[in-house]
Amino acid sequence: NKFPKEKFGNKNLSKFKGHIEFKDVNFSYEENIPVLKNLNLEVLPNEVVGFVGPSGAGKSTIFNLISALNKPDSGEILFDGESINELTKDSIRGNLSVISQNAYIFNMSIEDNLRIIKKNATKKEIEKACKMACLDEFIESLPNKYKTIVGEGGVTLSGGQRQRIAIARALLLNTEVLLFDEATSALDNENQAKIKKAIDNLVKDHTIIIVAHRLSTIIDADIIYLIDDGQVVDEGTHKSLLIKNEIYKTLYENEE
């Protein structure tokens, strides 16, 4: 652990609106090997924000800093104008849900897998979350529906179905910010489209941050930050970046 004595603050982040700012943020895992360099960016409430860039550019590190897994070496990260240094780690994390493709699925029913997050979730809440996550049709097609046992690690489910269970779990928590480590490179186009539709369903009520491995998920994002070598090298909408940025254009064309 790079920061065995790292301290967060003792102030609680109560009703988080979803405004996150990075100001001149520097971060390294090992001394003298900077991963992020004077990084500046802003996430506004109820926006969809995408991070793209070559492998090793620093996208996942940004994610880890927002999730309070690490703290910056220098510079500031602000949540609704409050410094990360002043806030408790628990209150930051309590306002975020991280959705990864590697979400662990237990050897129990779909319903019980969702109740792990919220024990007292009603059937109605579970059904609504699954509908928003574009999982309801699949569940209704199963003989035992929500009572279907899915096997250790969700072995009976596809990667896309596991990720949509992770989305439904996050919706039951109802946090303001949803962080997608959108490792959909392994998903087929049909599952990819369902993940995108699920994200579209969430837009009105959440701030959504996506580390995108396939750009098709974020073509409708409000703003896309192109990260390279630990810095924001460009930003804009999908259409504007396609026109003005060769790196972005190449990343997009390589997956078609």
C-alpha atoms as a PDB file:
ATOM      1  CA  ASN A   1       0.000   0.000   0.000  1.00  0.00           C
ATOM      2  CA  LYS A   2       1.553   3.266  -1.088  1.00  0.00           C
ATOM      3  CA  PHE A   3      -0.139   5.258   1.671  1.00  0.00           C
ATOM      4  CA  PRO A   4      -0.108   3.109   4.818  1.00  0.00           C
ATOM      5  CA  LYS A   5      -0.761   6.246   6.882  1.00  0.00           C
ATOM      6  CA  GLU A   6      -2.887   8.173   4.414  1.00  0.00           C
ATOM      7  CA  LYS A   7      -5.566  10.137   6.155  1.00  0.00           C
ATOM      8  CA  PHE A   8      -8.948  11.158   4.911  1.00  0.00           C
ATOM      9  CA  GLY A   9     -10.892  13.825   6.785  1.00  0.00           C
ATOM     10  CA  ASN A  10     -13.743  13.560   9.266  1.00  0.00           C
ATOM     11  CA  LYS A  11     -16.354  15.573   7.408  1.00  0.00           C
ATOM     12  CA  ASN A  12     -19.322  13.726   5.922  1.00  0.00           C
ATOM     13  CA  LEU A  13     -20.437  14.244   2.342  1.00  0.00           C
ATOM     14  CA  SER A  14     -24.177  14.272   2.890  1.00  0.00           C
ATOM     15  CA  LYS A  15     -26.414  14.685  -0.173  1.00  0.00           C
ATOM     16  CA  PHE A  16     -23.912  14.467  -2.990  1.00  0.00           C
ATOM     17  CA  LYS A  17     -25.012  16.290  -6.151  1.00  0.00           C
ATOM     18  CA  GLY A  18     -22.387  14.634  -8.338  1.00  0.00           C
ATOM     19  CA  HIS A  19     -19.996  17.530  -9.064  1.00  0.00           C
ATOM     20  CA  ILE A  20     -16.386  16.271  -9.175  1.00  0.00           C
ATOM     21  CA  GLU A  21     -13.303  18.335 -10.042  1.00  0.00           C
ATOM     22  CA  PHE A  22      -9.648  17.405 -10.496  1.00  0.00           C
ATOM     23  CA  LYS A  23      -7.296  20.384 -10.169  1.00  0.00           C
ATOM     24  CA  ASP A  24      -3.626  19.873 -11.130  1.00  0.00           C
ATOM     25  CA  VAL A  25      -3.720  16.298  -9.831  1.00  0.00           C
ATOM     26  CA  ASN A  26      -0.487  14.300  -9.789  1.00  0.00           C
ATOM     27  CA  PHE A  27      -0.298  10.659  -8.831  1.00  0.00           C
ATOM     28  CA  SER A  28       2.244   7.853  -8.978  1.00  0.00           C
ATOM     29  CA  TYR A  29       2.217   4.278  -7.678  1.00  0.00           C
ATOM     30  CA  GLU A  30       6.017   4.201  -7.580  1.00  0.00           C
ATOM     31  CA  GLU A  31       8.346   7.095  -6.860  1.00  0.00           C
ATOM     32  CA  ASN A  32       9.459   9.078  -9.912  1.00  0.00           C
ATOM     33  CA  ILE A  33       7.110   7.181 -12.252  1.00  0.00           C
ATOM     34  CA  PRO A  34       4.162   9.582 -12.622  1.00  0.00           C
ATOM     35  CA  VAL A  35       0.884   8.072 -13.792  1.00  0.00           C
ATOM     36  CA  LEU A  36      -1.177  11.296 -13.738  1.00  0.00           C
ATOM     37  CA  LYS A  37       0.451  14.655 -14.483  1.00  0.00           C
ATOM     38  CA  ASN A  38      -1.234  17.978 -13.616  1.00  0.00           C
ATOM     39  CA  LEU A  39      -4.594  16.481 -14.533  1.00  0.00           C
ATOM     40  CA  ASN A  40      -7.539  18.884 -14.783  1.00  0.00           C
ATOM     41  CA  LEU A  41     -11.095  17.790 -15.489  1.00  0.00           C
ATOM     42  CA  GLU A  42     -14.651  18.325 -14.345  1.00  0.00           C
ATOM     43  CA  VAL A  43     -17.702  16.070 -14.018  1.00  0.00           C
ATOM     44  CA  LEU A  44     -21.028  17.896 -13.737  1.00  0.00           C
ATOM     45  CA  PRO A  45     -24.116  16.512 -11.972  1.00  0.00           C
ATOM     46  CA  ASN A  46     -26.375  14.295 -14.114  1.00  0.00           C
ATOM     47  CA  GLU A  47     -23.923  14.153 -16.984  1.00  0.00           C
ATOM     48  CA  VAL A  48     -22.509  11.121 -18.746  1.00  0.00           C
ATOM     49  CA  VAL A  49     -18.727  11.474 -18.844  1.00  0.00           C
ATOM     50  CA  GLY A  50     -16.461   9.106 -20.737  1.00  0.00           C
ATOM     51  CA  PHE A  51     -12.738   8.478 -20.313  1.00  0.00           C
ATOM     52  CA  VAL A  52     -10.964   6.961 -23.296  1.00  0.00           C
ATOM     53  CA  GLY A  53      -7.381   6.500 -24.328  1.00  0.00           C
ATOM     54  CA  PRO A  54      -4.696   3.949 -25.058  1.00  0.00           C
ATOM     55  CA  SER A  55      -4.002   1.154 -22.586  1.00  0.00           C
ATOM     56  CA  GLY A  56      -1.923   2.411 -19.644  1.00  0.00           C
ATOM     57  CA  ALA A  57      -2.910   6.057 -20.194  1.00  0.00           C
ATOM     58  CA  GLY A  58      -4.174   6.501 -16.612  1.00  0.00           C
ATOM     59  CA  LYS A  59      -7.933   5.950 -17.019  1.00  0.00           C
ATOM     60  CA  SER A  60      -8.255   3.348 -14.250  1.00  0.00           C
ATOM     61  CA  THR A  61      -6.141   5.474 -11.907  1.00  0.00           C
ATOM     62  CA  ILE A  62      -8.620   8.356 -12.291  1.00  0.00           C
ATOM     63  CA  PHE A  63     -11.348   5.879 -11.418  1.00  0.00           C
ATOM     64  CA  ASN A  64      -9.466   4.737  -8.291  1.00  0.00           C
ATOM     65  CA  LEU A  65      -8.995   8.324  -7.127  1.00  0.00           C
ATOM     66  CA  ILE A  66     -12.704   9.128  -7.557  1.00  0.00           C
ATOM     67  CA  SER A  67     -13.515   5.937  -5.614  1.00  0.00           C
ATOM     68  CA  ALA A  68     -11.216   7.045  -2.743  1.00  0.00           C
ATOM     69  CA  LEU A  69      -9.051   3.937  -3.213  1.00  0.00           C
ATOM     70  CA  ASN A  70      -6.045   6.259  -3.441  1.00  0.00           C
ATOM     71  CA  LYS A  71      -5.328   9.912  -2.769  1.00  0.00           C
ATOM     72  CA  PRO A  72      -3.439  12.269  -5.086  1.00  0.00           C
ATOM     73  CA  ASP A  73       0.234  13.027  -4.411  1.00  0.00           C
ATOM     74  CA  SER A  74      -0.520  16.690  -5.071  1.00  0.00           C
ATOM     75  CA  GLY A  75      -3.313  18.836  -6.461  1.00  0.00           C
ATOM     76  CA  GLU A  76      -6.938  18.739  -5.405  1.00  0.00           C
ATOM     77  CA  ILE A  77      -9.955  16.510  -5.921  1.00  0.00           C
ATOM     78  CA  LEU A  78     -13.226  18.187  -4.988  1.00  0.00           C
ATOM     79  CA  PHE A  79     -16.645  16.614  -4.394  1.00  0.00           C
ATOM     80  CA  ASP A  80     -19.346  19.323  -4.546  1.00  0.00           C
ATOM     81  CA  GLY A  81     -16.558  21.801  -3.774  1.00  0.00           C
ATOM     82  CA  GLU A  82     -15.295  19.874  -0.709  1.00  0.00           C
ATOM     83  CA  SER A  83     -11.706  18.597  -0.753  1.00  0.00           C
ATOM     84  CA  ILE A  84     -11.182  14.822  -0.668  1.00  0.00           C
ATOM     85  CA  ASN A  85      -8.739  15.510   2.207  1.00  0.00           C
ATOM     86  CA  GLU A  86     -11.551  16.862   4.399  1.00  0.00           C
ATOM     87  CA  LEU A  87     -14.088  14.112   3.743  1.00  0.00           C
ATOM     88  CA  THR A  88     -14.428  10.678   5.289  1.00  0.00           C
ATOM     89  CA  LYS A  89     -13.639   7.789   2.978  1.00  0.00           C
ATOM     90  CA  ASP A  90     -16.962   6.129   3.886  1.00  0.00           C
ATOM     91  CA  SER A  91     -19.030   9.163   2.966  1.00  0.00           C
ATOM     92  CA  ILE A  92     -17.321   9.405  -0.451  1.00  0.00           C
ATOM     93  CA  ARG A  93     -17.843   5.704  -1.139  1.00  0.00           C
ATOM     94  CA  GLY A  94     -21.393   5.813   0.204  1.00  0.00           C
ATOM     95  CA  ASN A  95     -22.312   8.147  -2.655  1.00  0.00           C
ATOM     96  CA  LEU A  96     -20.737   6.021  -5.403  1.00  0.00           C
ATOM     97  CA  SER A  97     -21.492   2.653  -6.968  1.00  0.00           C
ATOM     98  CA  VAL A  98     -18.794   0.905  -8.986  1.00  0.00           C
ATOM     99  CA  ILE A  99     -20.030  -1.393 -11.741  1.00  0.00           C
ATOM    100  CA  SER A 100     -17.437  -3.711 -13.184  1.00  0.00           C
ATOM    101  CA  GLN A 101     -17.685  -6.646 -15.520  1.00  0.00           C
ATOM    102  CA  ASN A 102     -16.039  -8.721 -12.817  1.00  0.00           C
ATOM    103  CA  ALA A 103     -18.838  -8.166 -10.312  1.00  0.00           C
ATOM    104  CA  TYR A 104     -18.970 -11.245  -8.115  1.00  0.00           C
ATOM    105  CA  ILE A 105     -22.125 -13.317  -8.439  1.00  0.00           C
ATOM    106  CA  PHE A 106     -22.890 -15.812  -5.659  1.00  0.00           C
ATOM    107  CA  ASN A 107     -24.261 -19.331  -5.962  1.00  0.00           C
ATOM    108  CA  MET A 108     -27.796 -18.322  -5.059  1.00  0.00           C
ATOM    109  CA  SER A 109     -30.890 -16.992  -6.784  1.00  0.00           C
ATOM    110  CA  ILE A 110     -30.898 -13.810  -8.866  1.00  0.00           C
ATOM    111  CA  GLU A 111     -33.190 -12.255  -6.246  1.00  0.00           C
ATOM    112  CA  ASP A 112     -30.820 -13.141  -3.379  1.00  0.00           C
ATOM    113  CA  ASN A 113     -27.824 -11.853  -5.358  1.00  0.00           C
ATOM    114  CA  LEU A 114     -29.574  -8.483  -5.508  1.00  0.00           C
ATOM    115  CA  ARG A 115     -30.612  -8.557  -1.851  1.00  0.00           C
ATOM    116  CA  ILE A 116     -26.931  -8.823  -0.839  1.00  0.00           C
ATOM    117  CA  ILE A 117     -26.809  -5.091  -1.477  1.00  0.00           C
ATOM    118  CA  LYS A 118     -30.127  -4.216   0.151  1.00  0.00           C
ATOM    119  CA  LYS A 119     -31.538  -6.899   2.439  1.00  0.00           C
ATOM    120  CA  ASN A 120     -34.984  -5.322   2.752  1.00  0.00           C
ATOM    121  CA  ALA A 121     -35.459  -4.619  -0.982  1.00  0.00           C
ATOM    122  CA  THR A 122     -39.065  -5.220  -2.000  1.00  0.00           C
ATOM    123  CA  LYS A 123     -40.003  -7.399  -4.959  1.00  0.00           C
ATOM    124  CA  LYS A 124     -41.209  -4.242  -6.701  1.00  0.00           C
ATOM    125  CA  GLU A 125     -37.850  -2.481  -6.185  1.00  0.00           C
ATOM    126  CA  ILE A 126     -35.974  -5.537  -7.479  1.00  0.00           C
ATOM    127  CA  GLU A 127     -38.174  -5.779 -10.577  1.00  0.00           C
ATOM    128  CA  LYS A 128     -37.804  -2.058 -11.291  1.00  0.00           C
ATOM    129  CA  ALA A 129     -33.997  -2.227 -10.960  1.00  0.00           C
ATOM    130  CA  CYS A 130     -33.874  -5.237 -13.307  1.00  0.00           C
ATOM    131  CA  LYS A 131     -36.060  -3.476 -15.849  1.00  0.00           C
ATOM    132  CA  MET A 132     -33.805  -0.398 -15.809  1.00  0.00           C
ATOM    133  CA  ALA A 133     -30.783  -2.704 -16.180  1.00  0.00           C
ATOM    134  CA  CYS A 134     -32.388  -4.391 -19.240  1.00  0.00           C
ATOM    135  CA  LEU A 135     -32.401  -7.709 -17.417  1.00  0.00           C
ATOM    136  CA  ASP A 136     -36.135  -8.235 -16.913  1.00  0.00           C
ATOM    137  CA  GLU A 137     -36.869  -9.979 -20.231  1.00  0.00           C
ATOM    138  CA  PHE A 138     -34.057 -12.472 -19.679  1.00  0.00           C
ATOM    139  CA  ILE A 139     -35.216 -13.217 -16.095  1.00  0.00           C
ATOM    140  CA  GLU A 140     -38.850 -13.647 -17.180  1.00  0.00           C
ATOM    141  CA  SER A 141     -37.717 -16.183 -19.813  1.00  0.00           C
ATOM    142  CA  LEU A 142     -36.237 -18.467 -17.110  1.00  0.00           C
ATOM    143  CA  PRO A 143     -38.405 -21.309 -15.693  1.00  0.00           C
ATOM    144  CA  ASN A 144     -37.816 -20.134 -12.090  1.00  0.00           C
ATOM    145  CA  LYS A 145     -37.545 -16.430 -12.964  1.00  0.00           C
ATOM    146  CA  TYR A 146     -36.106 -14.423 -10.019  1.00  0.00           C
ATOM    147  CA  LYS A 147     -35.668 -17.634  -7.988  1.00  0.00           C
ATOM    148  CA  THR A 148     -33.228 -19.075 -10.573  1.00  0.00           C
ATOM    149  CA  ILE A 149     -29.944 -20.226  -8.993  1.00  0.00           C
ATOM    150  CA  VAL A 150     -27.059 -18.890 -11.081  1.00  0.00           C
ATOM    151  CA  GLY A 151     -24.076 -20.972  -9.903  1.00  0.00           C
ATOM    152  CA  GLU A 152     -20.818 -19.950  -8.238  1.00  0.00           C
ATOM    153  CA  GLY A 153     -19.474 -16.805  -9.899  1.00  0.00           C
ATOM    154  CA  GLY A 154     -22.622 -16.646 -12.042  1.00  0.00           C
ATOM    155  CA  VAL A 155     -21.314 -19.511 -14.163  1.00  0.00           C
ATOM    156  CA  THR A 156     -24.693 -19.970 -15.899  1.00  0.00           C
ATOM    157  CA  LEU A 157     -24.777 -16.309 -16.999  1.00  0.00           C
ATOM    158  CA  SER A 158     -23.058 -14.516 -19.857  1.00  0.00           C
ATOM    159  CA  GLY A 159     -20.629 -11.646 -19.202  1.00  0.00           C
ATOM    160  CA  GLY A 160     -23.288  -9.145 -20.240  1.00  0.00           C
ATOM    161  CA  GLN A 161     -25.881 -10.679 -17.900  1.00  0.00           C
ATOM    162  CA  ARG A 162     -23.439 -10.569 -14.984  1.00  0.00           C
ATOM    163  CA  GLN A 163     -22.687  -6.925 -15.690  1.00  0.00           C
ATOM    164  CA  ARG A 164     -26.391  -6.111 -15.838  1.00  0.00           C
ATOM    165  CA  ILE A 165     -26.891  -7.786 -12.444  1.00  0.00           C
ATOM    166  CA  ALA A 166     -24.142  -5.446 -11.204  1.00  0.00           C
ATOM    167  CA  ILE A 167     -26.086  -2.487 -12.673  1.00  0.00           C
ATOM    168  CA  ALA A 168     -29.307  -3.654 -10.962  1.00  0.00           C
ATOM    169  CA  ARG A 169     -27.408  -3.944  -7.644  1.00  0.00           C
ATOM    170  CA  ALA A 170     -26.159  -0.377  -8.023  1.00  0.00           C
ATOM    171  CA  LEU A 171     -29.675   0.852  -8.744  1.00  0.00           C
ATOM    172  CA  LEU A 172     -30.968  -0.707  -5.526  1.00  0.00           C
ATOM    173  CA  LEU A 173     -28.332   1.295  -3.624  1.00  0.00           C
ATOM    174  CA  ASN A 174     -29.528   4.406  -5.477  1.00  0.00           C
ATOM    175  CA  THR A 175     -26.273   6.363  -5.224  1.00  0.00           C
ATOM    176  CA  GLU A 176     -25.881   9.639  -7.090  1.00  0.00           C
ATOM    177  CA  VAL A 177     -22.730   8.611  -8.989  1.00  0.00           C
ATOM    178  CA  LEU A 178     -22.356   5.416 -11.016  1.00  0.00           C
ATOM    179  CA  LEU A 179     -18.840   4.456 -12.066  1.00  0.00           C
ATOM    180  CA  PHE A 180     -18.677   1.987 -14.945  1.00  0.00           C
ATOM    181  CA  ASP A 181     -15.437   0.161 -15.502  1.00  0.00           C
ATOM    182  CA  GLU A 182     -16.900  -0.697 -18.842  1.00  0.00           C
ATOM    183  CA  ALA A 183     -14.754  -3.665 -19.774  1.00  0.00           C
ATOM    184  CA  THR A 184     -17.103  -4.716 -22.552  1.00  0.00           C
ATOM    185  CA  SER A 185     -14.425  -5.782 -25.006  1.00  0.00           C
ATOM    186  CA  ALA A 186     -15.403  -9.384 -24.226  1.00  0.00           C
ATOM    187  CA  LEU A 187     -19.110  -8.802 -24.889  1.00  0.00           C
ATOM    188  CA  ASP A 188     -20.901  -9.542 -28.124  1.00  0.00           C
ATOM    189  CA  ASN A 189     -22.762  -6.750 -29.918  1.00  0.00           C
ATOM    190  CA  GLU A 190     -26.170  -7.739 -28.539  1.00  0.00           C
ATOM    191  CA  ASN A 191     -24.993  -7.582 -24.907  1.00  0.00           C
ATOM    192  CA  GLN A 192     -23.028  -4.425 -25.676  1.00  0.00           C
ATOM    193  CA  ALA A 193     -26.233  -2.793 -26.986  1.00  0.00           C
ATOM    194  CA  LYS A 194     -28.144  -3.840 -23.851  1.00  0.00           C
ATOM    195  CA  ILE A 195     -25.481  -2.343 -21.578  1.00  0.00           C
ATOM    196  CA  LYS A 196     -25.687   0.890 -23.561  1.00  0.00           C
ATOM    197  CA  LYS A 197     -29.491   0.910 -23.294  1.00  0.00           C
ATOM    198  CA  ALA A 198     -29.234   0.315 -19.530  1.00  0.00           C
ATOM    199  CA  ILE A 199     -26.870   3.299 -19.246  1.00  0.00           C
ATOM    200  CA  ASP A 200     -29.284   5.413 -21.317  1.00  0.00           C
ATOM    201  CA  ASN A 201     -32.083   4.484 -18.861  1.00  0.00           C
ATOM    202  CA  LEU A 202     -30.068   5.866 -15.937  1.00  0.00           C
ATOM    203  CA  VAL A 203     -29.068   9.191 -17.406  1.00  0.00           C
ATOM    204  CA  LYS A 204     -31.785  11.429 -15.982  1.00  0.00           C
ATOM    205  CA  ASP A 205     -31.216  10.584 -12.318  1.00  0.00           C
ATOM    206  CA  HIS A 206     -27.509   9.848 -12.007  1.00  0.00           C
ATOM    207  CA  THR A 207     -24.060  11.182 -12.768  1.00  0.00           C
ATOM    208  CA  ILE A 208     -22.421   8.463 -14.854  1.00  0.00           C
ATOM    209  CA  ILE A 209     -18.679   8.081 -15.344  1.00  0.00           C
ATOM    210  CA  ILE A 210     -17.472   5.452 -17.809  1.00  0.00           C
ATOM    211  CA  VAL A 211     -13.975   4.171 -18.450  1.00  0.00           C
ATOM    212  CA  ALA A 212     -14.672   3.038 -21.984  1.00  0.00           C
ATOM    213  CA  HIS A 213     -12.835   0.200 -23.655  1.00  0.00           C
ATOM    214  CA  ARG A 214     -15.229   0.213 -26.585  1.00  0.00           C
ATOM    215  CA  LEU A 215     -16.207   3.684 -27.724  1.00  0.00           C
ATOM    216  CA  SER A 216     -19.667   2.636 -28.901  1.00  0.00           C
ATOM    217  CA  THR A 217     -20.889   2.799 -25.271  1.00  0.00           C
ATOM    218  CA  ILE A 218     -20.070   6.495 -24.928  1.00  0.00           C
ATOM    219  CA  ILE A 219     -20.973   7.992 -28.288  1.00  0.00           C
ATOM    220  CA  ASP A 220     -23.874   9.837 -26.599  1.00  0.00           C
ATOM    221  CA  ALA A 221     -21.803  11.062 -23.609  1.00  0.00           C
ATOM    222  CA  ASP A 222     -22.078  14.755 -22.707  1.00  0.00           C
ATOM    223  CA  ILE A 223     -18.306  15.009 -22.607  1.00  0.00           C
ATOM    224  CA  ILE A 224     -15.486  12.612 -23.431  1.00  0.00           C
ATOM    225  CA  TYR A 225     -11.996  13.116 -22.033  1.00  0.00           C
ATOM    226  CA  LEU A 226      -9.189  11.649 -24.108  1.00  0.00           C
ATOM    227  CA  ILE A 227      -6.425  10.592 -21.714  1.00  0.00           C
ATOM    228  CA  ASP A 228      -2.902   9.902 -22.890  1.00  0.00           C
ATOM    229  CA  ASP A 229       0.258   9.577 -20.823  1.00  0.00           C
ATOM    230  CA  GLY A 230      -1.517  10.725 -17.645  1.00  0.00           C
ATOM    231  CA  GLN A 231      -2.979  13.916 -19.061  1.00  0.00           C
ATOM    232  CA  VAL A 232      -6.146  15.167 -20.726  1.00  0.00           C
ATOM    233  CA  VAL A 233      -4.991  15.647 -24.311  1.00  0.00           C
ATOM    234  CA  ASP A 234      -8.422  16.534 -25.703  1.00  0.00           C
ATOM    235  CA  GLU A 235     -12.064  16.737 -24.721  1.00  0.00           C
ATOM    236  CA  GLY A 236     -15.408  17.115 -26.440  1.00  0.00           C
ATOM    237  CA  THR A 237     -18.370  15.163 -27.746  1.00  0.00           C
ATOM    238  CA  HIS A 238     -17.950  12.022 -29.838  1.00  0.00           C
ATOM    239  CA  LYS A 239     -18.746  13.956 -33.034  1.00  0.00           C
ATOM    240  CA  SER A 240     -16.334  16.803 -32.308  1.00  0.00           C
ATOM    241  CA  LEU A 241     -13.481  14.461 -31.324  1.00  0.00           C
ATOM    242  CA  LEU A 242     -13.953  12.367 -34.478  1.00  0.00           C
ATOM    243  CA  ILE A 243     -13.418  15.509 -36.531  1.00  0.00           C
ATOM    244  CA  LYS A 244     -10.589  17.141 -34.594  1.00  0.00           C
ATOM    245  CA  ASN A 245      -8.559  14.329 -33.018  1.00  0.00           C
ATOM    246  CA  GLU A 246      -6.602  11.684 -34.896  1.00  0.00           C
ATOM    247  CA  ILE A 247      -5.929   9.485 -31.817  1.00  0.00           C
ATOM    248  CA  TYR A 248      -9.653   9.357 -31.040  1.00  0.00           C
ATOM    249  CA  LYS A 249     -10.566   8.729 -34.666  1.00  0.00           C
ATOM    250  CA  THR A 250      -8.078   5.822 -34.798  1.00  0.00           C
ATOM    251  CA  LEU A 251      -9.383   4.306 -31.530  1.00  0.00           C
ATOM    252  CA  TYR A 252     -12.920   4.465 -32.903  1.00  0.00           C
ATOM    253  CA  GLU A 253     -12.116   3.091 -36.354  1.00  0.00           C
ATOM    254  CA  ASN A 254     -10.060   0.213 -34.920  1.00  0.00           C
ATOM    255  CA  GLU A 255     -13.107  -1.305 -33.239  1.00  0.00           C
ATOM    256  CA  GLU A 256     -15.432  -1.109 -36.225  1.00  0.00           C
END
